[in-house]
Amino acid sequence: MEPRRAGRAVLQNTYFFTTPSVIESMNMGLRKLSRMRDRFRTMNQFSIIFGDRLKLNSF
């Protein structure tokens, strides 16, 4: 019983540790898109769709 509980704890720890970095990389991607949006007005709709998809994935 002990090894299974230890494995589950390790999985939970890696999940909690990796989540902030994933969110951080998403934020960096959104910042890049917002910068590109200023240069290319045609990217406007794409960045809005992309941002909504990222918001859904972050939860």
PDB file of N, CA and C in Angstrom:
ATOM      1  N   MET A   1       0.828  -1.205   0.000  1.00  0.00           N
ATOM      2  CA  MET A   1       0.000   0.000   0.000  1.00  0.00           C
ATOM      3  C   MET A   1       0.868   1.264   0.000  1.00  0.00           C
ATOM      4  N   GLU A   2       1.997   1.234   0.696  1.00  0.00           N
ATOM      5  CA  GLU A   2       2.854   2.427   0.794  1.00  0.00           C
ATOM      6  C   GLU A   2       3.389   2.899  -0.561  1.00  0.00           C
ATOM      7  N   PRO A   3       3.949   2.023  -1.399  1.00  0.00           N
ATOM      8  CA  PRO A   3       4.503   2.516  -2.677  1.00  0.00           C
ATOM      9  C   PRO A   3       3.458   3.207  -3.540  1.00  0.00           C
ATOM     10  N   ARG A   4       2.225   2.687  -3.545  1.00  0.00           N
ATOM     11  CA  ARG A   4       1.188   3.306  -4.379  1.00  0.00           C
ATOM     12  C   ARG A   4       0.885   4.716  -3.876  1.00  0.00           C
ATOM     13  N   ARG A   5       0.805   4.878  -2.563  1.00  0.00           N
ATOM     14  CA  ARG A   5       0.534   6.210  -2.014  1.00  0.00           C
ATOM     15  C   ARG A   5       1.683   7.161  -2.322  1.00  0.00           C
ATOM     16  N   ALA A   6       2.911   6.652  -2.258  1.00  0.00           N
ATOM     17  CA  ALA A   6       4.071   7.494  -2.560  1.00  0.00           C
ATOM     18  C   ALA A   6       4.032   7.929  -4.022  1.00  0.00           C
ATOM     19  N   GLY A   7       3.695   7.001  -4.922  1.00  0.00           N
ATOM     20  CA  GLY A   7       3.624   7.338  -6.335  1.00  0.00           C
ATOM     21  C   GLY A   7       2.576   8.394  -6.600  1.00  0.00           C
ATOM     22  N   ARG A   8       1.443   8.274  -5.923  1.00  0.00           N
ATOM     23  CA  ARG A   8       0.378   9.252  -6.122  1.00  0.00           C
ATOM     24  C   ARG A   8       0.825  10.628  -5.629  1.00  0.00           C
ATOM     25  N   ALA A   9       1.547  10.668  -4.505  1.00  0.00           N
ATOM     26  CA  ALA A   9       2.033  11.948  -3.977  1.00  0.00           C
ATOM     27  C   ALA A   9       3.019  12.580  -4.956  1.00  0.00           C
ATOM     28  N   VAL A  10       3.886  11.765  -5.546  1.00  0.00           N
ATOM     29  CA  VAL A  10       4.848  12.289  -6.520  1.00  0.00           C
ATOM     30  C   VAL A  10       4.113  12.868  -7.719  1.00  0.00           C
ATOM     31  N   LEU A  11       3.070  12.163  -8.183  1.00  0.00           N
ATOM     32  CA  LEU A  11       2.300  12.675  -9.315  1.00  0.00           C
ATOM     33  C   LEU A  11       1.665  14.015  -8.970  1.00  0.00           C
ATOM     34  N   GLN A  12       1.086  14.120  -7.779  1.00  0.00           N
ATOM     35  CA  GLN A  12       0.456  15.378  -7.377  1.00  0.00           C
ATOM     36  C   GLN A  12       1.488  16.492  -7.297  1.00  0.00           C
ATOM     37  N   ASN A  13       2.672  16.188  -6.740  1.00  0.00           N
ATOM     38  CA  ASN A  13       3.698  17.219  -6.610  1.00  0.00           C
ATOM     39  C   ASN A  13       4.157  17.710  -7.974  1.00  0.00           C
ATOM     40  N   THR A  14       4.401  16.792  -8.913  1.00  0.00           N
ATOM     41  CA  THR A  14       4.860  17.226 -10.230  1.00  0.00           C
ATOM     42  C   THR A  14       3.768  18.034 -10.920  1.00  0.00           C
ATOM     43  N   TYR A  15       2.513  17.655 -10.711  1.00  0.00           N
ATOM     44  CA  TYR A  15       1.412  18.413 -11.319  1.00  0.00           C
ATOM     45  C   TYR A  15       1.393  19.844 -10.783  1.00  0.00           C
ATOM     46  N   PHE A  16       1.500  19.967  -9.469  1.00  0.00           N
ATOM     47  CA  PHE A  16       1.429  21.306  -8.876  1.00  0.00           C
ATOM     48  C   PHE A  16       2.661  22.133  -9.215  1.00  0.00           C
ATOM     49  N   PHE A  17       3.818  21.473  -9.370  1.00  0.00           N
ATOM     50  CA  PHE A  17       5.031  22.230  -9.676  1.00  0.00           C
ATOM     51  C   PHE A  17       5.054  22.683 -11.132  1.00  0.00           C
ATOM     52  N   THR A  18       4.518  21.877 -12.042  1.00  0.00           N
ATOM     53  CA  THR A  18       4.599  22.235 -13.456  1.00  0.00           C
ATOM     54  C   THR A  18       3.509  23.223 -13.858  1.00  0.00           C
ATOM     55  N   THR A  19       2.412  23.280 -13.109  1.00  0.00           N
ATOM     56  CA  THR A  19       1.297  24.137 -13.521  1.00  0.00           C
ATOM     57  C   THR A  19       1.684  25.617 -13.627  1.00  0.00           C
ATOM     58  N   PRO A  20       2.395  26.204 -12.647  1.00  0.00           N
ATOM     59  CA  PRO A  20       2.739  27.632 -12.775  1.00  0.00           C
ATOM     60  C   PRO A  20       3.595  27.925 -13.999  1.00  0.00           C
ATOM     61  N   SER A  21       4.545  27.042 -14.323  1.00  0.00           N
ATOM     62  CA  SER A  21       5.398  27.301 -15.485  1.00  0.00           C
ATOM     63  C   SER A  21       4.586  27.221 -16.771  1.00  0.00           C
ATOM     64  N   VAL A  22       3.615  26.312 -16.821  1.00  0.00           N
ATOM     65  CA  VAL A  22       2.751  26.220 -18.004  1.00  0.00           C
ATOM     66  C   VAL A  22       1.943  27.502 -18.160  1.00  0.00           C
ATOM     67  N   ILE A  23       1.379  27.987 -17.053  1.00  0.00           N
ATOM     68  CA  ILE A  23       0.602  29.232 -17.108  1.00  0.00           C
ATOM     69  C   ILE A  23       1.508  30.392 -17.502  1.00  0.00           C
ATOM     70  N   GLU A  24       2.752  30.388 -16.985  1.00  0.00           N
ATOM     71  CA  GLU A  24       3.690  31.463 -17.323  1.00  0.00           C
ATOM     72  C   GLU A  24       3.990  31.464 -18.812  1.00  0.00           C
ATOM     73  N   SER A  25       4.188  30.277 -19.396  1.00  0.00           N
ATOM     74  CA  SER A  25       4.475  30.225 -20.832  1.00  0.00           C
ATOM     75  C   SER A  25       3.257  30.666 -21.635  1.00  0.00           C
ATOM     76  N   MET A  26       2.055  30.354 -21.153  1.00  0.00           N
ATOM     77  CA  MET A  26       0.845  30.832 -21.830  1.00  0.00           C
ATOM     78  C   MET A  26       0.788  32.356 -21.802  1.00  0.00           C
ATOM     79  N   ASN A  27       1.111  32.934 -20.637  1.00  0.00           N
ATOM     80  CA  ASN A  27       1.085  34.393 -20.527  1.00  0.00           C
ATOM     81  C   ASN A  27       2.095  35.019 -21.472  1.00  0.00           C
ATOM     82  N   MET A  28       3.277  34.404 -21.600  1.00  0.00           N
ATOM     83  CA  MET A  28       4.280  34.929 -22.522  1.00  0.00           C
ATOM     84  C   MET A  28       3.755  34.870 -23.951  1.00  0.00           C
ATOM     85  N   GLY A  29       3.076  33.789 -24.294  1.00  0.00           N
ATOM     86  CA  GLY A  29       2.504  33.668 -25.632  1.00  0.00           C
ATOM     87  C   GLY A  29       1.451  34.734 -25.888  1.00  0.00           C
ATOM     88  N   LEU A  30       0.634  35.013 -24.869  1.00  0.00           N
ATOM     89  CA  LEU A  30      -0.392  36.051 -25.026  1.00  0.00           C
ATOM     90  C   LEU A  30       0.246  37.425 -25.170  1.00  0.00           C
ATOM     91  N   ARG A  31       1.340  37.657 -24.439  1.00  0.00           N
ATOM     92  CA  ARG A  31       2.021  38.951 -24.557  1.00  0.00           C
ATOM     93  C   ARG A  31       2.602  39.122 -25.951  1.00  0.00           C
ATOM     94  N   LYS A  32       3.181  38.037 -26.490  1.00  0.00           N
ATOM     95  CA  LYS A  32       3.714  38.103 -27.854  1.00  0.00           C
ATOM     96  C   LYS A  32       2.594  38.412 -28.839  1.00  0.00           C
ATOM     97  N   LEU A  33       1.443  37.755 -28.658  1.00  0.00           N
ATOM     98  CA  LEU A  33       0.323  37.984 -29.573  1.00  0.00           C
ATOM     99  C   LEU A  33      -0.170  39.422 -29.482  1.00  0.00           C
ATOM    100  N   SER A  34      -0.218  39.971 -28.274  1.00  0.00           N
ATOM    101  CA  SER A  34      -0.707  41.347 -28.138  1.00  0.00           C
ATOM    102  C   SER A  34       0.262  42.314 -28.798  1.00  0.00           C
ATOM    103  N   ARG A  35       1.567  42.009 -28.764  1.00  0.00           N
ATOM    104  CA  ARG A  35       2.534  42.862 -29.449  1.00  0.00           C
ATOM    105  C   ARG A  35       2.348  42.768 -30.958  1.00  0.00           C
ATOM    106  N   MET A  36       2.121  41.547 -31.436  1.00  0.00           N
ATOM    107  CA  MET A  36       1.926  41.353 -32.873  1.00  0.00           C
ATOM    108  C   MET A  36       0.634  42.027 -33.328  1.00  0.00           C
ATOM    109  N   ARG A  37      -0.365  42.048 -32.448  1.00  0.00           N
ATOM    110  CA  ARG A  37      -1.655  42.622 -32.816  1.00  0.00           C
ATOM    111  C   ARG A  37      -1.507  44.106 -33.159  1.00  0.00           C
ATOM    112  N   ASP A  38      -0.579  44.792 -32.481  1.00  0.00           N
ATOM    113  CA  ASP A  38      -0.362  46.209 -32.786  1.00  0.00           C
ATOM    114  C   ASP A  38       0.180  46.382 -34.198  1.00  0.00           C
ATOM    115  N   ARG A  39       1.026  45.458 -34.646  1.00  0.00           N
ATOM    116  CA  ARG A  39       1.623  45.578 -35.978  1.00  0.00           C
ATOM    117  C   ARG A  39       0.663  45.109 -37.062  1.00  0.00           C
ATOM    118  N   PHE A  40       0.000  43.979 -36.818  1.00  0.00           N
ATOM    119  CA  PHE A  40      -0.879  43.398 -37.832  1.00  0.00           C
ATOM    120  C   PHE A  40      -2.315  43.409 -37.319  1.00  0.00           C
ATOM    121  N   ARG A  41      -3.127  44.288 -37.855  1.00  0.00           N
ATOM    122  CA  ARG A  41      -4.513  44.366 -37.400  1.00  0.00           C
ATOM    123  C   ARG A  41      -5.307  43.133 -37.821  1.00  0.00           C
ATOM    124  N   THR A  42      -4.845  42.414 -38.828  1.00  0.00           N
ATOM    125  CA  THR A  42      -5.566  41.218 -39.264  1.00  0.00           C
ATOM    126  C   THR A  42      -5.415  40.088 -38.254  1.00  0.00           C
ATOM    127  N   MET A  43      -4.417  40.182 -37.364  1.00  0.00           N
ATOM    128  CA  MET A  43      -4.210  39.149 -36.352  1.00  0.00           C
ATOM    129  C   MET A  43      -5.178  39.305 -35.186  1.00  0.00           C
ATOM    130  N   ASN A  44      -5.982  40.353 -35.194  1.00  0.00           N
ATOM    131  CA  ASN A  44      -6.852  40.667 -34.068  1.00  0.00           C
ATOM    132  C   ASN A  44      -7.757  39.489 -33.696  1.00  0.00           C
ATOM    133  N   GLN A  45      -8.485  38.993 -34.688  1.00  0.00           N
ATOM    134  CA  GLN A  45      -9.437  37.920 -34.417  1.00  0.00           C
ATOM    135  C   GLN A  45      -8.710  36.658 -33.975  1.00  0.00           C
ATOM    136  N   PHE A  46      -7.578  36.361 -34.594  1.00  0.00           N
ATOM    137  CA  PHE A  46      -6.825  35.161 -34.241  1.00  0.00           C
ATOM    138  C   PHE A  46      -6.389  35.197 -32.785  1.00  0.00           C
ATOM    139  N   SER A  47      -5.882  36.347 -32.339  1.00  0.00           N
ATOM    140  CA  SER A  47      -5.391  36.428 -30.967  1.00  0.00           C
ATOM    141  C   SER A  47      -6.537  36.305 -29.970  1.00  0.00           C
ATOM    142  N   ILE A  48      -7.718  36.820 -30.323  1.00  0.00           N
ATOM    143  CA  ILE A  48      -8.867  36.690 -29.421  1.00  0.00           C
ATOM    144  C   ILE A  48      -9.254  35.212 -29.288  1.00  0.00           C
ATOM    145  N   ILE A  49      -9.328  34.500 -30.413  1.00  0.00           N
ATOM    146  CA  ILE A  49      -9.665  33.071 -30.375  1.00  0.00           C
ATOM    147  C   ILE A  49      -8.605  32.305 -29.600  1.00  0.00           C
ATOM    148  N   PHE A  50      -7.331  32.620 -29.867  1.00  0.00           N
ATOM    149  CA  PHE A  50      -6.223  31.935 -29.204  1.00  0.00           C
ATOM    150  C   PHE A  50      -6.263  32.184 -27.700  1.00  0.00           C
ATOM    151  N   GLY A  51      -6.556  33.423 -27.308  1.00  0.00           N
ATOM    152  CA  GLY A  51      -6.622  33.750 -25.888  1.00  0.00           C
ATOM    153  C   GLY A  51      -7.742  33.006 -25.179  1.00  0.00           C
ATOM    154  N   ASP A  52      -8.901  32.889 -25.821  1.00  0.00           N
ATOM    155  CA  ASP A  52     -10.007  32.151 -25.215  1.00  0.00           C
ATOM    156  C   ASP A  52      -9.639  30.689 -25.043  1.00  0.00           C
ATOM    157  N   ARG A  53      -8.940  30.121 -26.026  1.00  0.00           N
ATOM    158  CA  ARG A  53      -8.542  28.728 -25.933  1.00  0.00           C
ATOM    159  C   ARG A  53      -7.559  28.537 -24.779  1.00  0.00           C
ATOM    160  N   LEU A  54      -6.640  29.485 -24.604  1.00  0.00           N
ATOM    161  CA  LEU A  54      -5.674  29.385 -23.507  1.00  0.00           C
ATOM    162  C   LEU A  54      -6.369  29.503 -22.161  1.00  0.00           C
ATOM    163  N   LYS A  55      -7.362  30.381 -22.071  1.00  0.00           N
ATOM    164  CA  LYS A  55      -8.080  30.531 -20.810  1.00  0.00           C
ATOM    165  C   LYS A  55      -8.775  29.221 -20.444  1.00  0.00           C
ATOM    166  N   LEU A  56      -9.352  28.545 -21.433  1.00  0.00           N
ATOM    167  CA  LEU A  56     -10.023  27.276 -21.158  1.00  0.00           C
ATOM    168  C   LEU A  56      -9.019  26.216 -20.729  1.00  0.00           C
ATOM    169  N   ASN A  57      -7.838  26.193 -21.367  1.00  0.00           N
ATOM    170  CA  ASN A  57      -6.849  25.165 -21.054  1.00  0.00           C
ATOM    171  C   ASN A  57      -6.211  25.370 -19.691  1.00  0.00           C
ATOM    172  N   SER A  58      -6.191  26.602 -19.201  1.00  0.00           N
ATOM    173  CA  SER A  58      -5.471  26.867 -17.957  1.00  0.00           C
ATOM    174  C   SER A  58      -6.226  26.333 -16.741  1.00  0.00           C
ATOM    175  N   PHE A  59      -7.527  26.031 -16.891  1.00  0.00           N
ATOM    176  CA  PHE A  59      -8.285  25.548 -15.738  1.00  0.00           C
ATOM    177  C   PHE A  59      -8.281  24.041 -15.646  1.00  0.00           C
TER     178      PHE A  59
END
